[in-house]
């Protein structure tokens, strides 16, 4: 495989995570840094849990299936994932070639768990969309386990009433849980994790 590299949107931390905010909840000054700069990684989906499009489907396979590889960089105090352009055909698409990399920040919430904040930038033609998205990650040895929890339009109303969420909105027809509090988000993610759902993806660092 060639080592040509492409700055591209992080597959692992994309819009599948439907907890969001319009202002950042994590800044470099209060962030934690669980990943090693310049480490190489492989990215794999959990075939038992993934809801990725057919292009990345598991084709009946079990366990984890590798979908990409690259290197971790740090710029202005934020993580960026530099993908090998040959590691997945999606990187050859025009939209991927021109995409700016989302910036990633992490905040520890205990027990090797972190909230990951992804700055998706302002999306042209979708200015009503929130800019910052959140998911849960856990460090397990050389692996970073990624849990892409979805916003439940009815089930998560209890968190709106309890103050952990600000609102549940559907700007593009998909429920998005709006949050203004890391503490509230941590409460929700811990409860989701306790329910026993497996991780959706993992990064293997080396």
N, C-alpha and C. Protein backbone atom coordinates (compact mmCIF):
# COMPACT_ATOMS: atom_id res chain seq x y z
N UNK A 1 0.84 -1.20 0.00
CA UNK A 1 0.00 0.00 0.00
C UNK A 1 0.87 1.24 0.00
N UNK A 2 0.56 2.23 -0.83
CA UNK A 2 1.32 3.46 -0.86
C UNK A 2 1.05 4.27 0.39
N UNK A 3 2.00 5.17 0.71
CA UNK A 3 1.85 5.98 1.91
C UNK A 3 1.35 7.38 1.58
N UNK A 4 0.71 7.51 0.40
CA UNK A 4 0.07 8.80 0.14
C UNK A 4 -1.00 9.02 1.19
N UNK A 5 -1.11 10.25 1.68
CA UNK A 5 -2.04 10.52 2.77
C UNK A 5 -2.99 11.64 2.39
N UNK A 6 -4.15 11.60 3.00
CA UNK A 6 -5.20 12.55 2.68
C UNK A 6 -5.83 13.08 3.96
N UNK A 7 -5.91 14.42 4.08
CA UNK A 7 -6.70 15.00 5.16
C UNK A 7 -8.16 14.76 4.81
N UNK A 8 -8.85 14.04 5.64
CA UNK A 8 -10.24 13.69 5.32
C UNK A 8 -11.07 13.65 6.59
N UNK A 9 -12.39 13.71 6.41
CA UNK A 9 -13.29 13.63 7.56
C UNK A 9 -13.10 12.30 8.26
N UNK A 10 -13.06 12.35 9.60
CA UNK A 10 -12.84 11.13 10.37
C UNK A 10 -14.06 10.22 10.26
N UNK A 11 -13.85 9.03 9.70
CA UNK A 11 -14.95 8.08 9.61
C UNK A 11 -15.46 7.72 11.00
N UNK A 12 -14.54 7.50 11.92
CA UNK A 12 -14.91 6.98 13.23
C UNK A 12 -15.78 7.93 14.03
N UNK A 13 -15.60 9.23 13.84
CA UNK A 13 -16.27 10.20 14.70
C UNK A 13 -17.24 11.08 13.93
N UNK A 14 -17.91 10.50 12.94
CA UNK A 14 -18.77 11.29 12.07
C UNK A 14 -20.14 11.55 12.64
N UNK A 15 -21.07 11.91 11.75
CA UNK A 15 -22.38 12.37 12.16
C UNK A 15 -23.28 11.27 12.72
N UNK A 16 -22.79 10.01 12.70
CA UNK A 16 -23.59 8.95 13.30
C UNK A 16 -23.83 9.22 14.78
N UNK A 17 -22.94 10.03 15.37
CA UNK A 17 -23.15 10.42 16.76
C UNK A 17 -24.14 11.57 16.79
N UNK A 18 -25.31 11.37 17.40
CA UNK A 18 -26.40 12.35 17.32
C UNK A 18 -26.61 13.12 18.60
N UNK A 19 -25.54 13.33 19.37
CA UNK A 19 -25.55 14.26 20.48
C UNK A 19 -24.70 15.44 20.06
N UNK A 20 -25.22 16.65 20.21
CA UNK A 20 -24.56 17.79 19.58
C UNK A 20 -24.75 19.06 20.39
N UNK A 21 -23.94 20.06 20.05
CA UNK A 21 -24.09 21.39 20.62
C UNK A 21 -23.71 22.43 19.57
N UNK A 22 -24.22 23.64 19.75
CA UNK A 22 -23.90 24.71 18.81
C UNK A 22 -22.67 25.49 19.23
N UNK A 23 -22.22 25.30 20.46
CA UNK A 23 -20.98 25.90 20.96
C UNK A 23 -20.13 24.79 21.56
N UNK A 24 -18.81 24.91 21.50
CA UNK A 24 -17.96 23.83 22.01
C UNK A 24 -18.06 23.68 23.52
N UNK A 25 -18.04 22.44 23.98
CA UNK A 25 -18.04 22.14 25.41
C UNK A 25 -16.64 21.81 25.91
N UNK A 26 -15.72 21.54 24.99
CA UNK A 26 -14.34 21.22 25.34
C UNK A 26 -13.42 22.17 24.59
N UNK A 27 -12.43 22.71 25.30
CA UNK A 27 -11.41 23.55 24.71
C UNK A 27 -10.04 22.91 24.95
N UNK A 28 -9.04 23.23 24.13
CA UNK A 28 -7.71 22.64 24.37
C UNK A 28 -7.21 22.84 25.79
N UNK A 29 -7.55 23.96 26.42
CA UNK A 29 -7.06 24.25 27.77
C UNK A 29 -7.59 23.28 28.82
N UNK A 30 -8.79 22.70 28.59
CA UNK A 30 -9.35 21.78 29.57
C UNK A 30 -9.53 20.38 29.02
N UNK A 31 -8.90 20.10 27.88
CA UNK A 31 -9.04 18.78 27.24
C UNK A 31 -8.05 17.79 27.83
N UNK A 32 -8.34 16.50 27.63
CA UNK A 32 -7.41 15.42 27.95
C UNK A 32 -6.90 14.84 26.63
N UNK A 33 -5.71 14.23 26.68
CA UNK A 33 -5.06 13.76 25.46
C UNK A 33 -4.65 12.30 25.59
N UNK A 34 -5.61 11.39 25.38
CA UNK A 34 -5.33 9.96 25.55
C UNK A 34 -4.59 9.31 24.38
N UNK A 35 -4.49 9.99 23.24
CA UNK A 35 -3.86 9.41 22.06
C UNK A 35 -2.44 9.94 21.89
N UNK A 36 -1.58 9.11 21.35
CA UNK A 36 -0.18 9.47 21.13
C UNK A 36 -0.04 10.13 19.77
N UNK A 37 0.57 11.29 19.77
CA UNK A 37 0.80 11.99 18.50
C UNK A 37 1.73 11.16 17.62
N UNK A 38 1.43 11.13 16.32
CA UNK A 38 2.20 10.42 15.29
C UNK A 38 2.03 8.91 15.36
N UNK A 39 1.14 8.42 16.24
CA UNK A 39 0.86 6.98 16.25
C UNK A 39 0.11 6.60 14.98
N UNK A 40 0.37 5.42 14.48
CA UNK A 40 -0.39 4.91 13.35
C UNK A 40 -1.61 4.15 13.88
N UNK A 41 -2.66 4.10 13.09
CA UNK A 41 -3.87 3.42 13.54
C UNK A 41 -4.52 2.67 12.38
N UNK A 42 -5.27 1.66 12.74
CA UNK A 42 -6.22 1.04 11.83
C UNK A 42 -7.60 1.23 12.42
N UNK A 43 -8.58 1.45 11.56
CA UNK A 43 -9.96 1.67 11.99
C UNK A 43 -10.82 0.50 11.52
N UNK A 44 -11.61 -0.05 12.44
CA UNK A 44 -12.44 -1.20 12.12
C UNK A 44 -13.85 -0.99 12.63
N UNK A 45 -14.83 -1.53 11.91
CA UNK A 45 -16.21 -1.50 12.36
C UNK A 45 -16.56 -2.83 13.02
N UNK A 46 -17.44 -2.77 13.99
CA UNK A 46 -17.96 -3.96 14.65
C UNK A 46 -19.15 -4.47 13.83
N UNK A 47 -18.98 -5.58 13.17
CA UNK A 47 -20.02 -6.08 12.27
C UNK A 47 -21.32 -6.40 13.02
N UNK A 48 -21.23 -6.63 14.32
CA UNK A 48 -22.43 -6.94 15.09
C UNK A 48 -23.20 -5.69 15.48
N UNK A 49 -22.57 -4.51 15.34
CA UNK A 49 -23.21 -3.29 15.83
C UNK A 49 -23.33 -2.21 14.78
N UNK A 50 -22.61 -2.33 13.68
CA UNK A 50 -22.51 -1.22 12.73
C UNK A 50 -23.80 -0.99 11.96
N UNK A 51 -24.10 0.30 11.71
CA UNK A 51 -25.20 0.67 10.82
C UNK A 51 -24.66 1.51 9.66
N UNK A 52 -23.37 1.32 9.33
CA UNK A 52 -22.76 2.07 8.24
C UNK A 52 -23.38 1.69 6.91
N UNK A 53 -23.24 2.55 5.88
CA UNK A 53 -23.82 2.26 4.57
C UNK A 53 -23.27 0.98 3.95
N UNK A 54 -23.96 0.52 2.93
CA UNK A 54 -23.60 -0.75 2.29
C UNK A 54 -22.16 -0.77 1.79
N UNK A 55 -21.62 0.40 1.41
CA UNK A 55 -20.25 0.45 0.90
C UNK A 55 -19.24 0.01 1.93
N UNK A 56 -19.60 0.11 3.21
CA UNK A 56 -18.70 -0.29 4.28
C UNK A 56 -19.25 -1.49 5.04
N UNK A 57 -20.23 -2.17 4.48
CA UNK A 57 -20.89 -3.27 5.19
C UNK A 57 -19.94 -4.44 5.37
N UNK A 58 -20.36 -5.35 6.23
CA UNK A 58 -19.50 -6.48 6.58
C UNK A 58 -19.67 -7.69 5.67
N UNK A 59 -20.67 -7.67 4.79
CA UNK A 59 -20.88 -8.78 3.85
C UNK A 59 -20.96 -10.13 4.54
N UNK A 60 -21.69 -10.17 5.65
CA UNK A 60 -21.90 -11.42 6.35
C UNK A 60 -20.77 -11.82 7.28
N UNK A 61 -19.73 -11.02 7.39
CA UNK A 61 -18.61 -11.35 8.27
C UNK A 61 -18.99 -11.06 9.72
N UNK A 62 -18.25 -11.66 10.65
CA UNK A 62 -18.47 -11.43 12.07
C UNK A 62 -17.22 -10.77 12.65
N UNK A 63 -17.35 -10.27 13.88
CA UNK A 63 -16.23 -9.60 14.50
C UNK A 63 -16.00 -8.22 13.92
N UNK A 64 -14.76 -7.78 13.91
CA UNK A 64 -14.40 -6.48 13.38
C UNK A 64 -13.85 -6.59 11.97
N UNK A 65 -14.17 -5.59 11.16
CA UNK A 65 -13.65 -5.52 9.80
C UNK A 65 -12.93 -4.19 9.61
N UNK A 66 -11.67 -4.25 9.18
CA UNK A 66 -10.91 -3.02 8.97
C UNK A 66 -11.46 -2.25 7.78
N UNK A 67 -11.61 -0.92 7.96
CA UNK A 67 -12.13 -0.09 6.88
C UNK A 67 -11.20 1.05 6.50
N UNK A 68 -10.17 1.33 7.31
CA UNK A 68 -9.28 2.44 6.99
C UNK A 68 -8.03 2.36 7.86
N UNK A 69 -7.04 3.18 7.51
CA UNK A 69 -5.79 3.25 8.28
C UNK A 69 -5.21 4.64 8.11
N UNK A 70 -4.35 5.03 9.03
CA UNK A 70 -3.74 6.34 8.92
C UNK A 70 -2.84 6.66 10.09
N UNK A 71 -2.68 7.95 10.36
CA UNK A 71 -1.77 8.44 11.39
C UNK A 71 -2.43 9.57 12.15
N UNK A 72 -2.13 9.66 13.44
CA UNK A 72 -2.70 10.71 14.30
C UNK A 72 -1.78 11.92 14.29
N UNK A 73 -2.35 13.09 14.12
CA UNK A 73 -1.61 14.35 14.18
C UNK A 73 -2.25 15.25 15.22
N UNK A 74 -1.51 16.25 15.67
CA UNK A 74 -2.04 17.27 16.58
C UNK A 74 -1.76 18.63 15.96
N UNK A 75 -2.79 19.46 15.89
CA UNK A 75 -2.66 20.80 15.32
C UNK A 75 -3.47 21.77 16.16
N UNK A 76 -2.83 22.81 16.64
CA UNK A 76 -3.50 23.82 17.47
C UNK A 76 -4.19 23.18 18.68
N UNK A 77 -3.55 22.18 19.25
CA UNK A 77 -4.09 21.53 20.44
C UNK A 77 -5.21 20.56 20.19
N UNK A 78 -5.51 20.26 18.94
CA UNK A 78 -6.59 19.34 18.60
C UNK A 78 -6.05 18.16 17.79
N UNK A 79 -6.67 17.00 18.02
CA UNK A 79 -6.29 15.82 17.23
C UNK A 79 -6.88 15.90 15.82
N UNK A 80 -6.12 15.41 14.87
CA UNK A 80 -6.61 15.20 13.51
C UNK A 80 -6.21 13.79 13.10
N UNK A 81 -7.05 13.14 12.34
CA UNK A 81 -6.73 11.82 11.80
C UNK A 81 -6.34 11.97 10.34
N UNK A 82 -5.11 11.60 10.02
CA UNK A 82 -4.61 11.68 8.65
C UNK A 82 -4.74 10.28 8.05
N UNK A 83 -5.71 10.12 7.15
CA UNK A 83 -5.98 8.80 6.59
C UNK A 83 -5.07 8.50 5.41
N UNK A 84 -4.64 7.24 5.28
CA UNK A 84 -3.98 6.78 4.06
C UNK A 84 -5.01 6.80 2.94
N UNK A 85 -4.72 7.50 1.89
CA UNK A 85 -5.71 7.67 0.83
C UNK A 85 -6.05 6.36 0.15
N UNK A 86 -5.16 5.37 0.24
CA UNK A 86 -5.41 4.08 -0.40
C UNK A 86 -6.11 3.09 0.51
N UNK A 87 -6.41 3.49 1.76
CA UNK A 87 -6.95 2.51 2.70
C UNK A 87 -8.44 2.29 2.57
N UNK A 88 -9.15 3.18 1.84
CA UNK A 88 -10.57 3.00 1.61
C UNK A 88 -10.96 3.75 0.34
N UNK A 89 -11.76 3.12 -0.54
CA UNK A 89 -12.14 3.80 -1.79
C UNK A 89 -12.88 5.11 -1.60
N UNK A 90 -13.51 5.31 -0.43
CA UNK A 90 -14.27 6.55 -0.20
C UNK A 90 -13.37 7.78 -0.30
N UNK A 91 -12.08 7.62 -0.01
CA UNK A 91 -11.19 8.76 -0.04
C UNK A 91 -10.88 9.24 -1.46
N UNK A 92 -11.27 8.45 -2.46
CA UNK A 92 -11.07 8.86 -3.84
C UNK A 92 -12.22 9.73 -4.35
N UNK A 93 -13.32 9.79 -3.59
CA UNK A 93 -14.46 10.60 -4.01
C UNK A 93 -14.13 12.09 -3.89
N UNK A 94 -14.66 12.90 -4.80
CA UNK A 94 -14.35 14.34 -4.76
C UNK A 94 -14.64 14.99 -3.42
N UNK A 95 -15.76 14.64 -2.81
CA UNK A 95 -16.12 15.26 -1.53
C UNK A 95 -15.10 14.93 -0.45
N UNK A 96 -14.55 13.72 -0.49
CA UNK A 96 -13.55 13.33 0.50
C UNK A 96 -12.21 13.99 0.22
N UNK A 97 -11.87 14.11 -1.05
CA UNK A 97 -10.59 14.73 -1.40
C UNK A 97 -10.52 16.17 -0.93
N UNK A 98 -11.65 16.86 -0.97
CA UNK A 98 -11.67 18.28 -0.65
C UNK A 98 -12.06 18.57 0.80
N UNK A 99 -12.43 17.54 1.54
CA UNK A 99 -12.95 17.76 2.89
C UNK A 99 -11.86 18.23 3.85
N UNK A 100 -12.21 19.17 4.71
CA UNK A 100 -11.31 19.55 5.79
C UNK A 100 -11.48 18.55 6.93
N UNK A 101 -10.41 18.23 7.62
CA UNK A 101 -10.51 17.24 8.69
C UNK A 101 -11.23 17.80 9.91
N UNK A 102 -12.19 17.08 10.48
CA UNK A 102 -12.77 17.51 11.75
C UNK A 102 -11.70 17.55 12.83
N UNK A 103 -11.82 18.46 13.76
CA UNK A 103 -10.92 18.55 14.90
C UNK A 103 -11.52 17.79 16.07
N UNK A 104 -10.71 17.01 16.75
CA UNK A 104 -11.17 16.15 17.84
C UNK A 104 -10.57 16.60 19.17
N UNK A 105 -11.40 16.67 20.19
CA UNK A 105 -10.95 16.90 21.56
C UNK A 105 -11.61 15.88 22.47
N UNK A 106 -10.94 15.54 23.57
CA UNK A 106 -11.42 14.52 24.49
C UNK A 106 -11.46 15.06 25.91
N UNK A 107 -12.45 14.59 26.67
CA UNK A 107 -12.54 14.91 28.09
C UNK A 107 -12.85 13.64 28.86
N UNK A 108 -11.97 13.30 29.83
CA UNK A 108 -12.16 12.10 30.60
C UNK A 108 -13.36 12.17 31.53
N UNK A 109 -14.07 11.04 31.65
CA UNK A 109 -15.23 10.98 32.56
C UNK A 109 -15.09 9.80 33.52
N UNK A 110 -13.86 9.26 33.65
CA UNK A 110 -13.61 8.18 34.58
C UNK A 110 -13.70 6.82 33.95
N UNK A 111 -13.04 5.83 34.62
CA UNK A 111 -13.07 4.42 34.19
C UNK A 111 -12.63 4.26 32.74
N UNK A 112 -11.56 4.95 32.34
CA UNK A 112 -11.00 4.89 30.98
C UNK A 112 -11.98 5.39 29.92
N UNK A 113 -13.01 6.13 30.32
CA UNK A 113 -13.97 6.66 29.37
C UNK A 113 -13.72 8.13 29.07
N UNK A 114 -14.04 8.52 27.83
CA UNK A 114 -13.85 9.91 27.41
C UNK A 114 -15.04 10.33 26.55
N UNK A 115 -15.43 11.59 26.70
CA UNK A 115 -16.32 12.20 25.72
C UNK A 115 -15.45 12.75 24.60
N UNK A 116 -15.77 12.41 23.36
CA UNK A 116 -15.06 12.93 22.20
C UNK A 116 -15.92 14.00 21.55
N UNK A 117 -15.36 15.17 21.36
CA UNK A 117 -16.04 16.29 20.68
C UNK A 117 -15.45 16.43 19.28
N UNK A 118 -16.33 16.44 18.28
CA UNK A 118 -15.91 16.56 16.88
C UNK A 118 -16.42 17.88 16.33
N UNK A 119 -15.49 18.71 15.89
CA UNK A 119 -15.86 19.97 15.25
C UNK A 119 -16.05 19.70 13.76
N UNK A 120 -17.31 19.69 13.31
CA UNK A 120 -17.61 19.40 11.91
C UNK A 120 -17.53 20.64 11.04
N UNK A 121 -17.32 21.81 11.65
CA UNK A 121 -17.30 23.03 10.88
C UNK A 121 -18.70 23.44 10.45
N UNK A 122 -18.80 24.53 9.75
CA UNK A 122 -20.09 25.00 9.23
C UNK A 122 -20.34 24.32 7.89
N UNK A 123 -21.45 23.60 7.79
CA UNK A 123 -21.77 22.85 6.58
C UNK A 123 -22.53 23.75 5.60
N UNK A 124 -21.95 24.01 4.41
CA UNK A 124 -22.64 24.87 3.44
C UNK A 124 -24.04 24.35 3.12
N UNK A 125 -25.03 25.24 3.19
CA UNK A 125 -26.40 24.86 2.90
C UNK A 125 -27.10 24.20 4.07
N UNK A 126 -26.39 24.01 5.18
CA UNK A 126 -27.01 23.38 6.36
C UNK A 126 -26.60 24.14 7.61
N UNK A 127 -26.69 25.45 7.54
CA UNK A 127 -26.24 26.29 8.64
C UNK A 127 -27.05 26.08 9.91
N UNK A 128 -28.25 25.50 9.77
CA UNK A 128 -29.07 25.26 10.96
C UNK A 128 -28.58 24.04 11.74
N UNK A 129 -27.70 23.26 11.14
CA UNK A 129 -27.16 22.09 11.82
C UNK A 129 -26.18 22.49 12.91
N UNK A 130 -26.17 21.76 14.02
CA UNK A 130 -25.14 22.03 15.03
C UNK A 130 -23.75 21.72 14.49
N UNK A 131 -22.75 22.35 15.07
CA UNK A 131 -21.38 22.21 14.59
C UNK A 131 -20.59 21.15 15.34
N UNK A 132 -20.91 20.95 16.61
CA UNK A 132 -20.11 20.07 17.46
C UNK A 132 -20.91 18.81 17.81
N UNK A 133 -20.30 17.65 17.57
CA UNK A 133 -20.96 16.37 17.84
C UNK A 133 -20.15 15.58 18.87
N UNK A 134 -20.85 14.69 19.60
CA UNK A 134 -20.23 14.01 20.73
C UNK A 134 -20.51 12.50 20.68
N UNK A 135 -19.50 11.76 21.11
CA UNK A 135 -19.65 10.32 21.24
C UNK A 135 -18.80 9.86 22.41
N UNK A 136 -19.01 8.62 22.83
CA UNK A 136 -18.24 8.06 23.94
C UNK A 136 -17.12 7.19 23.39
N UNK A 137 -15.93 7.32 23.97
CA UNK A 137 -14.84 6.42 23.63
C UNK A 137 -14.25 5.86 24.92
N UNK A 138 -13.70 4.66 24.82
CA UNK A 138 -13.03 4.02 25.95
C UNK A 138 -11.67 3.53 25.50
N UNK A 139 -10.68 3.73 26.37
CA UNK A 139 -9.33 3.24 26.10
C UNK A 139 -9.21 1.84 26.67
N UNK A 140 -8.82 0.89 25.83
CA UNK A 140 -8.64 -0.50 26.24
C UNK A 140 -7.30 -0.98 25.69
N UNK A 141 -6.24 -0.79 26.47
CA UNK A 141 -4.90 -1.14 25.98
C UNK A 141 -4.55 -0.31 24.77
N UNK A 142 -4.16 -0.96 23.66
CA UNK A 142 -3.82 -0.20 22.45
C UNK A 142 -5.02 0.17 21.59
N UNK A 143 -6.23 -0.10 22.09
CA UNK A 143 -7.44 0.16 21.30
C UNK A 143 -8.23 1.33 21.87
N UNK A 144 -8.89 2.05 20.97
CA UNK A 144 -9.84 3.08 21.34
C UNK A 144 -11.20 2.60 20.86
N UNK A 145 -12.08 2.24 21.80
CA UNK A 145 -13.40 1.73 21.48
C UNK A 145 -14.38 2.89 21.34
N UNK A 146 -15.16 2.89 20.27
CA UNK A 146 -16.02 4.03 19.93
C UNK A 146 -17.48 3.60 19.99
N UNK A 147 -18.27 4.32 20.79
CA UNK A 147 -19.69 4.02 20.96
C UNK A 147 -20.49 5.17 20.36
N UNK A 148 -21.21 4.90 19.28
CA UNK A 148 -21.98 5.93 18.59
C UNK A 148 -23.44 5.86 19.03
N UNK A 149 -23.73 6.48 20.14
CA UNK A 149 -25.08 6.44 20.67
C UNK A 149 -25.98 7.38 19.88
N UNK A 150 -27.16 6.89 19.55
CA UNK A 150 -28.12 7.71 18.83
C UNK A 150 -29.04 8.43 19.80
N UNK A 151 -29.60 9.51 19.33
CA UNK A 151 -30.57 10.28 20.11
C UNK A 151 -31.94 9.64 19.96
N UNK A 152 -32.58 9.31 21.07
CA UNK A 152 -33.89 8.68 21.05
C UNK A 152 -34.96 9.75 21.29
N UNK A 153 -35.74 10.03 20.27
CA UNK A 153 -36.65 11.17 20.30
C UNK A 153 -37.59 11.14 21.50
N UNK A 154 -38.10 9.96 21.81
CA UNK A 154 -39.00 9.85 22.96
C UNK A 154 -38.27 9.39 24.22
N UNK A 155 -37.40 8.41 24.08
CA UNK A 155 -36.72 7.85 25.25
C UNK A 155 -35.82 8.83 25.97
N UNK A 156 -35.25 9.81 25.24
CA UNK A 156 -34.32 10.75 25.86
C UNK A 156 -34.99 12.02 26.37
N UNK A 157 -36.32 12.10 26.25
CA UNK A 157 -37.02 13.26 26.81
C UNK A 157 -36.83 13.38 28.32
N UNK A 158 -36.60 12.25 28.97
CA UNK A 158 -36.38 12.30 30.43
C UNK A 158 -35.15 13.13 30.76
N UNK A 159 -34.17 13.13 29.85
CA UNK A 159 -32.96 13.92 30.11
C UNK A 159 -33.20 15.41 29.85
N UNK A 160 -34.14 15.73 29.00
CA UNK A 160 -34.52 17.13 28.83
C UNK A 160 -35.21 17.61 30.11
N UNK A 161 -36.13 16.80 30.60
CA UNK A 161 -36.83 17.17 31.84
C UNK A 161 -35.87 17.24 33.03
N UNK A 162 -34.84 16.38 33.01
CA UNK A 162 -33.90 16.36 34.13
C UNK A 162 -32.78 17.37 34.00
N UNK A 163 -32.70 18.09 32.88
CA UNK A 163 -31.69 19.12 32.71
C UNK A 163 -30.39 18.66 32.11
N UNK A 164 -30.25 17.35 31.81
CA UNK A 164 -29.00 16.87 31.20
C UNK A 164 -28.92 17.26 29.72
N UNK A 165 -30.07 17.43 29.07
CA UNK A 165 -30.13 17.89 27.69
C UNK A 165 -30.90 19.20 27.62
N UNK A 166 -30.54 20.03 26.63
CA UNK A 166 -31.26 21.29 26.45
C UNK A 166 -32.54 21.09 25.66
N UNK A 167 -32.48 20.22 24.65
CA UNK A 167 -33.65 20.01 23.79
C UNK A 167 -33.37 18.83 22.87
N UNK A 168 -34.42 18.34 22.23
CA UNK A 168 -34.29 17.35 21.16
C UNK A 168 -34.89 17.98 19.91
N UNK A 169 -34.07 18.14 18.87
CA UNK A 169 -34.50 18.80 17.64
C UNK A 169 -34.29 17.87 16.46
N UNK A 170 -34.96 18.16 15.35
CA UNK A 170 -34.83 17.36 14.13
C UNK A 170 -34.65 18.27 12.92
N UNK A 171 -33.50 18.96 12.81
CA UNK A 171 -33.32 19.92 11.71
C UNK A 171 -33.25 19.28 10.34
N UNK A 172 -32.88 18.00 10.27
CA UNK A 172 -32.82 17.30 8.98
C UNK A 172 -33.66 16.03 9.02
N UNK A 173 -34.66 16.00 9.90
CA UNK A 173 -35.54 14.85 9.99
C UNK A 173 -35.02 13.73 10.86
N UNK A 174 -33.84 13.91 11.47
CA UNK A 174 -33.25 12.91 12.36
C UNK A 174 -33.11 13.54 13.74
N UNK A 175 -33.55 12.86 14.80
CA UNK A 175 -33.45 13.46 16.13
C UNK A 175 -32.00 13.76 16.51
N UNK A 176 -31.76 14.95 17.01
CA UNK A 176 -30.46 15.35 17.52
C UNK A 176 -30.64 15.87 18.93
N UNK A 177 -29.94 15.25 19.87
CA UNK A 177 -30.02 15.65 21.27
C UNK A 177 -29.06 16.82 21.49
N UNK A 178 -29.61 18.00 21.77
CA UNK A 178 -28.82 19.19 21.99
C UNK A 178 -28.39 19.26 23.45
N UNK A 179 -27.10 19.48 23.67
CA UNK A 179 -26.58 19.53 25.02
C UNK A 179 -25.79 20.81 25.23
N UNK A 180 -25.77 21.27 26.47
CA UNK A 180 -24.96 22.43 26.84
C UNK A 180 -24.08 22.11 28.04
N UNK A 181 -24.01 20.82 28.41
CA UNK A 181 -23.33 20.45 29.64
C UNK A 181 -22.55 19.15 29.46
N UNK A 182 -21.23 19.19 29.74
CA UNK A 182 -20.45 17.96 29.73
C UNK A 182 -20.90 17.01 30.82
N UNK A 183 -21.27 17.56 31.98
CA UNK A 183 -21.72 16.70 33.09
C UNK A 183 -22.98 15.95 32.71
N UNK A 184 -23.93 16.65 32.06
CA UNK A 184 -25.15 15.99 31.62
C UNK A 184 -24.87 14.93 30.58
N UNK A 185 -23.98 15.23 29.65
CA UNK A 185 -23.62 14.26 28.62
C UNK A 185 -22.94 13.05 29.23
N UNK A 186 -22.08 13.26 30.21
CA UNK A 186 -21.41 12.15 30.87
C UNK A 186 -22.42 11.22 31.55
N UNK A 187 -23.44 11.80 32.19
CA UNK A 187 -24.48 11.00 32.84
C UNK A 187 -25.19 10.11 31.82
N UNK A 188 -25.54 10.68 30.69
CA UNK A 188 -26.25 9.92 29.65
C UNK A 188 -25.36 8.80 29.10
N UNK A 189 -24.12 9.11 28.80
CA UNK A 189 -23.22 8.12 28.20
C UNK A 189 -22.92 6.99 29.19
N UNK A 190 -22.75 7.33 30.46
CA UNK A 190 -22.51 6.27 31.45
C UNK A 190 -23.71 5.33 31.53
N UNK A 191 -24.91 5.88 31.49
CA UNK A 191 -26.10 5.04 31.55
C UNK A 191 -26.23 4.18 30.30
N UNK A 192 -25.92 4.75 29.13
CA UNK A 192 -25.95 3.97 27.90
C UNK A 192 -24.95 2.82 27.99
N UNK A 193 -23.75 3.11 28.47
CA UNK A 193 -22.71 2.08 28.57
C UNK A 193 -23.13 0.97 29.52
N UNK A 194 -23.79 1.33 30.61
CA UNK A 194 -24.23 0.34 31.59
C UNK A 194 -25.27 -0.61 31.00
N UNK A 195 -25.94 -0.19 29.94
CA UNK A 195 -26.94 -1.06 29.31
C UNK A 195 -26.31 -2.18 28.51
N UNK A 196 -24.98 -2.11 28.29
CA UNK A 196 -24.27 -3.25 27.72
C UNK A 196 -24.12 -3.30 26.21
N UNK A 197 -24.50 -2.23 25.49
CA UNK A 197 -24.34 -2.25 24.03
C UNK A 197 -22.86 -2.29 23.67
N UNK A 198 -22.48 -3.08 22.65
CA UNK A 198 -21.07 -3.19 22.28
C UNK A 198 -20.59 -1.94 21.54
N UNK A 199 -19.29 -1.73 21.45
CA UNK A 199 -18.79 -0.59 20.66
C UNK A 199 -19.11 -0.75 19.19
N UNK A 200 -19.27 0.37 18.50
CA UNK A 200 -19.56 0.36 17.07
C UNK A 200 -18.29 0.25 16.22
N UNK A 201 -17.22 0.82 16.72
CA UNK A 201 -15.96 0.81 15.98
C UNK A 201 -14.80 0.79 16.96
N UNK A 202 -13.59 0.61 16.40
CA UNK A 202 -12.40 0.75 17.24
C UNK A 202 -11.23 1.23 16.38
N UNK A 203 -10.35 1.97 17.03
CA UNK A 203 -9.06 2.33 16.46
C UNK A 203 -8.01 1.50 17.18
N UNK A 204 -7.17 0.80 16.42
CA UNK A 204 -6.04 0.07 16.99
C UNK A 204 -4.81 0.92 16.75
N UNK A 205 -4.13 1.31 17.84
CA UNK A 205 -2.97 2.18 17.75
C UNK A 205 -1.69 1.33 17.80
N UNK A 206 -0.69 1.81 17.07
CA UNK A 206 0.60 1.11 17.08
C UNK A 206 1.75 2.09 16.87
